Amino acid sequence: MESLVADKEEMTWHVACRVADVPEDGGACVLINGHQIAIYHFARRNEWYATDNECPHRRQMALSRGMIGSQGDEPKVACPFHKKTFSLRSGQCLNDDTYQITTFPVLVTDGMVYIGV
């Protein structure tokens, strides 16, 4: 997965969880430095993503429970409450330009998931 951080040397990788802790084609939530981060295992695409867990629409900590899918070639997650959809790559809301979430780089190695902050 392409990093959204300009200088990788300034990034710190945090152990988030085991691969087995995240359901295939679903999400889970982890707490890193007091921040809730949603991790998604998009198994159908063989890809991993991480975003804020908070949906900015109603400020609910719910995105890790959202449904993942694709809009064209763009991987996305839909908030389970009000169906705002966000790109898992850029964080941009795909159905309302006023919202955006933060995305984080993901590294999966030796059965562990790491998040770059």
C-alpha atoms as a PDB file:
ATOM      1  CA  MET A   1       0.000   0.000   0.000  1.00  0.00           C
ATOM      2  CA  GLU A   2       1.303   3.434  -0.908  1.00  0.00           C
ATOM      3  CA  SER A   3       2.230   5.631   2.033  1.00  0.00           C
ATOM      4  CA  LEU A   4       0.493   8.983   2.406  1.00  0.00           C
ATOM      5  CA  VAL A   5       3.374  10.271   4.555  1.00  0.00           C
ATOM      6  CA  ALA A   6       5.944  12.394   2.715  1.00  0.00           C
ATOM      7  CA  ASP A   7       8.992  11.373   4.775  1.00  0.00           C
ATOM      8  CA  LYS A   8       8.937   7.702   5.723  1.00  0.00           C
ATOM      9  CA  GLU A   9      11.876   8.209   8.096  1.00  0.00           C
ATOM     10  CA  GLU A  10       9.639  10.333  10.339  1.00  0.00           C
ATOM     11  CA  MET A  11       6.992   7.602  10.488  1.00  0.00           C
ATOM     12  CA  THR A  12       6.735   5.300  13.489  1.00  0.00           C
ATOM     13  CA  TRP A  13       5.332   1.808  12.943  1.00  0.00           C
ATOM     14  CA  HIS A  14       3.067   0.540  15.731  1.00  0.00           C
ATOM     15  CA  VAL A  15       2.053  -3.066  16.278  1.00  0.00           C
ATOM     16  CA  ALA A  16      -1.708  -2.978  15.863  1.00  0.00           C
ATOM     17  CA  CYS A  17      -2.875  -6.599  16.054  1.00  0.00           C
ATOM     18  CA  ARG A  18      -2.526 -10.084  14.612  1.00  0.00           C
ATOM     19  CA  VAL A  19      -3.763 -10.722  11.072  1.00  0.00           C
ATOM     20  CA  ALA A  20      -6.233 -13.205  12.563  1.00  0.00           C
ATOM     21  CA  ASP A  21      -7.803 -10.413  14.668  1.00  0.00           C
ATOM     22  CA  VAL A  22      -9.250  -8.670  11.591  1.00  0.00           C
ATOM     23  CA  PRO A  23     -12.080 -10.461   9.764  1.00  0.00           C
ATOM     24  CA  GLU A  24     -11.615 -11.043   6.048  1.00  0.00           C
ATOM     25  CA  ASP A  25     -13.502  -8.401   4.052  1.00  0.00           C
ATOM     26  CA  GLY A  26     -14.213  -6.540   7.269  1.00  0.00           C
ATOM     27  CA  GLY A  27     -12.703  -4.277   9.872  1.00  0.00           C
ATOM     28  CA  ALA A  28     -11.522  -4.007  13.455  1.00  0.00           C
ATOM     29  CA  CYS A  29     -10.596  -1.120  15.727  1.00  0.00           C
ATOM     30  CA  VAL A  30      -7.311  -0.585  17.585  1.00  0.00           C
ATOM     31  CA  LEU A  31      -6.124   2.141  19.939  1.00  0.00           C
ATOM     32  CA  ILE A  32      -2.749   3.695  19.070  1.00  0.00           C
ATOM     33  CA  ASN A  33      -1.470   6.632  21.116  1.00  0.00           C
ATOM     34  CA  GLY A  34      -5.019   7.282  22.365  1.00  0.00           C
ATOM     35  CA  HIS A  35      -6.393   7.420  18.810  1.00  0.00           C
ATOM     36  CA  GLN A  36      -8.988   4.924  17.502  1.00  0.00           C
ATOM     37  CA  ILE A  37      -7.859   3.535  14.147  1.00  0.00           C
ATOM     38  CA  ALA A  38      -9.958   1.249  11.951  1.00  0.00           C
ATOM     39  CA  ILE A  39      -8.090  -1.535  10.144  1.00  0.00           C
ATOM     40  CA  TYR A  40      -9.627  -3.250   7.118  1.00  0.00           C
ATOM     41  CA  HIS A  41      -8.649  -6.530   5.497  1.00  0.00           C
ATOM     42  CA  PHE A  42     -10.036  -6.267   1.986  1.00  0.00           C
ATOM     43  CA  ALA A  43      -9.403  -9.961   1.257  1.00  0.00           C
ATOM     44  CA  ARG A  44     -11.203  -9.926  -2.099  1.00  0.00           C
ATOM     45  CA  ARG A  45      -8.561  -7.451  -3.303  1.00  0.00           C
ATOM     46  CA  ASN A  46      -5.725  -8.858  -1.155  1.00  0.00           C
ATOM     47  CA  GLU A  47      -5.252  -5.371   0.377  1.00  0.00           C
ATOM     48  CA  TRP A  48      -5.067  -3.807   3.842  1.00  0.00           C
ATOM     49  CA  TYR A  49      -6.117  -0.274   4.829  1.00  0.00           C
ATOM     50  CA  ALA A  50      -6.279   1.856   7.972  1.00  0.00           C
ATOM     51  CA  THR A  51      -8.309   5.016   8.635  1.00  0.00           C
ATOM     52  CA  ASP A  52      -9.716   7.070  11.457  1.00  0.00           C
ATOM     53  CA  ASN A  53     -12.436   5.100  13.194  1.00  0.00           C
ATOM     54  CA  GLU A  54     -14.534   8.245  13.696  1.00  0.00           C
ATOM     55  CA  CYS A  55     -17.033   9.139  10.992  1.00  0.00           C
ATOM     56  CA  PRO A  56     -16.877  12.948  10.752  1.00  0.00           C
ATOM     57  CA  HIS A  57     -20.526  13.193   9.657  1.00  0.00           C
ATOM     58  CA  ARG A  58     -21.989  12.539  13.118  1.00  0.00           C
ATOM     59  CA  ARG A  59     -18.714  12.064  15.018  1.00  0.00           C
ATOM     60  CA  GLN A  60     -19.454   8.406  15.804  1.00  0.00           C
ATOM     61  CA  MET A  61     -16.692   5.843  16.376  1.00  0.00           C
ATOM     62  CA  ALA A  62     -18.086   3.347  13.894  1.00  0.00           C
ATOM     63  CA  LEU A  63     -16.126   3.065  10.651  1.00  0.00           C
ATOM     64  CA  SER A  64     -14.416  -0.193  11.669  1.00  0.00           C
ATOM     65  CA  ARG A  65     -17.911  -1.750  11.635  1.00  0.00           C
ATOM     66  CA  GLY A  66     -18.735  -0.351   8.206  1.00  0.00           C
ATOM     67  CA  MET A  67     -19.207  -2.345   5.022  1.00  0.00           C
ATOM     68  CA  ILE A  68     -16.266  -2.335   2.626  1.00  0.00           C
ATOM     69  CA  GLY A  69     -16.568  -2.545  -1.140  1.00  0.00           C
ATOM     70  CA  SER A  70     -15.540  -0.799  -4.339  1.00  0.00           C
ATOM     71  CA  GLN A  71     -16.820   2.140  -6.317  1.00  0.00           C
ATOM     72  CA  GLY A  72     -15.317   1.438  -9.719  1.00  0.00           C
ATOM     73  CA  ASP A  73     -11.703   0.654  -8.840  1.00  0.00           C
ATOM     74  CA  GLU A  74     -11.792   2.733  -5.645  1.00  0.00           C
ATOM     75  CA  PRO A  75     -11.876   0.725  -2.380  1.00  0.00           C
ATOM     76  CA  LYS A  76     -14.312   2.262   0.099  1.00  0.00           C
ATOM     77  CA  VAL A  77     -15.966   1.906   3.480  1.00  0.00           C
ATOM     78  CA  ALA A  78     -19.544   2.945   4.284  1.00  0.00           C
ATOM     79  CA  CYS A  79     -20.431   4.244   7.732  1.00  0.00           C
ATOM     80  CA  PRO A  80     -22.896   1.734   9.219  1.00  0.00           C
ATOM     81  CA  PHE A  81     -25.202   4.502  10.496  1.00  0.00           C
ATOM     82  CA  HIS A  82     -25.725   7.084   7.759  1.00  0.00           C
ATOM     83  CA  LYS A  83     -23.991   5.447   4.772  1.00  0.00           C
ATOM     84  CA  LYS A  84     -21.402   8.152   4.107  1.00  0.00           C
ATOM     85  CA  THR A  85     -18.756   6.374   2.018  1.00  0.00           C
ATOM     86  CA  PHE A  86     -15.033   7.102   2.214  1.00  0.00           C
ATOM     87  CA  SER A  87     -12.131   6.153  -0.035  1.00  0.00           C
ATOM     88  CA  LEU A  88      -9.827   3.766   1.799  1.00  0.00           C
ATOM     89  CA  ARG A  89      -6.903   5.214  -0.190  1.00  0.00           C
ATOM     90  CA  SER A  90      -7.379   8.973   0.186  1.00  0.00           C
ATOM     91  CA  GLY A  91      -9.985   9.285   2.957  1.00  0.00           C
ATOM     92  CA  GLN A  92     -12.141  11.580   0.800  1.00  0.00           C
ATOM     93  CA  CYS A  93     -15.898  11.165   1.262  1.00  0.00           C
ATOM     94  CA  LEU A  94     -17.247   9.793  -2.017  1.00  0.00           C
ATOM     95  CA  ASN A  95     -20.814  11.029  -1.583  1.00  0.00           C
ATOM     96  CA  ASP A  96     -20.273  14.381   0.174  1.00  0.00           C
ATOM     97  CA  ASP A  97     -17.223  16.574  -0.520  1.00  0.00           C
ATOM     98  CA  THR A  98     -17.427  18.286   2.878  1.00  0.00           C
ATOM     99  CA  TYR A  99     -16.083  15.258   4.774  1.00  0.00           C
ATOM    100  CA  GLN A 100     -12.726  13.473   4.845  1.00  0.00           C
ATOM    101  CA  ILE A 101     -10.993  10.993   7.144  1.00  0.00           C
ATOM    102  CA  THR A 102      -7.303  10.381   7.777  1.00  0.00           C
ATOM    103  CA  THR A 103      -5.710   7.287   6.263  1.00  0.00           C
ATOM    104  CA  PHE A 104      -2.632   5.485   7.568  1.00  0.00           C
ATOM    105  CA  PRO A 105      -0.096   3.192   5.875  1.00  0.00           C
ATOM    106  CA  VAL A 106      -0.336  -0.498   6.764  1.00  0.00           C
ATOM    107  CA  LEU A 107       2.411  -3.114   6.861  1.00  0.00           C
ATOM    108  CA  VAL A 108       1.566  -6.806   7.232  1.00  0.00           C
ATOM    109  CA  THR A 109       4.427  -9.138   8.029  1.00  0.00           C
ATOM    110  CA  ASP A 110       4.900 -12.403   9.932  1.00  0.00           C
ATOM    111  CA  GLY A 111       1.212 -12.594  10.830  1.00  0.00           C
ATOM    112  CA  MET A 112       1.181  -9.122  12.398  1.00  0.00           C
ATOM    113  CA  VAL A 113      -0.422  -5.843  11.288  1.00  0.00           C
ATOM    114  CA  TYR A 114       1.515  -2.588  11.765  1.00  0.00           C
ATOM    115  CA  ILE A 115       0.187   0.951  11.345  1.00  0.00           C
ATOM    116  CA  GLY A 116       2.446   3.851  10.376  1.00  0.00           C
ATOM    117  CA  VAL A 117       1.843   7.086  12.252  1.00  0.00           C
END
